[in-house]
Each structure stands twice: as structure tokens, then as C-alpha cells.
Amino acid sequence: MPPTPSERPPLRSADELNAAIRAFWIDGRGHPTVGLTPDQRAEYQRLLAALEALRAVERGGVTTAA
């Protein structure tokens, strides 16, 4: 059984986060996908937030957790 989002190890690099974000929009054959399930949309939003937090750290900025 694949791990649930809470069991996944944290992604560390911007490249890993970008790859995971892109995977939501490209299917296994390289075609764009349309629509996300509510669970996929929540995971996508978490990935975007993690990438933004990483970018803020790289810029030396500070972000506040929601």
C-alpha cells in the first residue's frame, strides 16, 4: 500500500518539490491532466506552500506558519 501524505518523508530540495508539483499536471504518458481530486488538490497546495517556504529561506526571508 502506498504511503499516505502524512507518512511521506519531507521533500527537501526545490527540484524535488518542483518534480512533485509537475507530476500532478502530467500523466504517465506526458500528457497534461485535467482536474484534481480534493485529496490531490490538498497535497498540491501543501507542496506549493513547502516550495514557497523553501524559497523564502533561500532568500533569507521569514515566513509565518498558517
Protein backbone atom coordinates (compact mmCIF):
# COMPACT_ATOMS: atom_id res chain seq x y z
CA MET A 1 0.00 0.00 0.00
CA PRO A 2 1.45 3.44 -0.89
CA PRO A 3 2.18 5.80 1.97
CA THR A 4 -0.40 8.41 2.90
CA PRO A 5 0.64 12.07 2.71
CA SER A 6 1.30 12.19 6.46
CA GLU A 7 3.63 9.16 6.18
CA ARG A 8 5.69 10.55 3.32
CA PRO A 9 9.17 11.77 4.15
CA PRO A 10 9.57 15.53 3.78
CA LEU A 11 10.82 16.73 0.41
CA ARG A 12 13.99 18.69 0.83
CA SER A 13 15.08 20.36 -2.38
CA ALA A 14 13.36 22.75 -4.75
CA ASP A 15 13.98 20.25 -7.55
CA GLU A 16 12.13 17.52 -5.63
CA LEU A 17 9.25 19.84 -4.83
CA ASN A 18 9.01 21.06 -8.43
CA ALA A 19 9.02 17.49 -9.75
CA ALA A 20 6.22 16.52 -7.34
CA ILE A 21 4.19 19.60 -8.31
CA ARG A 22 4.66 18.92 -12.03
CA ALA A 23 3.60 15.30 -11.53
CA PHE A 24 0.09 16.49 -10.65
CA TRP A 25 -0.29 18.04 -14.09
CA ILE A 26 1.38 15.46 -16.35
CA ASP A 27 0.17 11.87 -16.64
CA GLY A 28 2.46 8.89 -17.16
CA ARG A 29 2.44 9.40 -20.93
CA GLY A 30 3.50 13.06 -20.77
CA HIS A 31 0.03 14.47 -21.38
CA PRO A 32 -1.49 17.25 -19.27
CA THR A 33 -4.13 16.06 -16.83
CA VAL A 34 -7.37 17.87 -16.17
CA GLY A 35 -8.84 18.29 -12.73
CA LEU A 36 -7.61 17.06 -9.38
CA THR A 37 -9.41 15.15 -6.67
CA PRO A 38 -9.87 17.01 -3.38
CA ASP A 39 -7.04 14.95 -1.84
CA GLN A 40 -4.75 15.70 -4.79
CA ARG A 41 -5.59 19.41 -4.58
CA ALA A 42 -4.76 19.43 -0.84
CA GLU A 43 -1.41 17.70 -1.48
CA TYR A 44 -0.70 20.09 -4.36
CA GLN A 45 -1.36 23.06 -2.05
CA ARG A 46 0.97 21.57 0.61
CA LEU A 47 3.71 21.17 -1.99
CA LEU A 48 3.28 24.75 -3.18
CA ALA A 49 3.46 26.01 0.41
CA ALA A 50 6.60 23.95 1.07
CA LEU A 51 8.22 25.30 -2.08
CA GLU A 52 7.35 28.88 -1.14
CA ALA A 53 8.76 28.35 2.37
CA LEU A 54 11.95 26.92 0.88
CA ARG A 55 12.27 29.87 -1.49
CA ALA A 56 11.78 32.30 1.41
CA VAL A 57 14.57 30.59 3.35
CA GLU A 58 16.83 30.74 0.29
CA ARG A 59 16.09 34.48 0.02
CA GLY A 60 16.75 34.93 3.73
CA GLY A 61 13.12 35.84 4.41
CA VAL A 62 10.99 34.61 7.24
CA THR A 63 7.54 33.13 6.72
CA THR A 64 4.84 32.60 9.32
CA ALA A 65 3.07 29.27 9.52
CA ALA A 66 -0.65 29.45 8.92
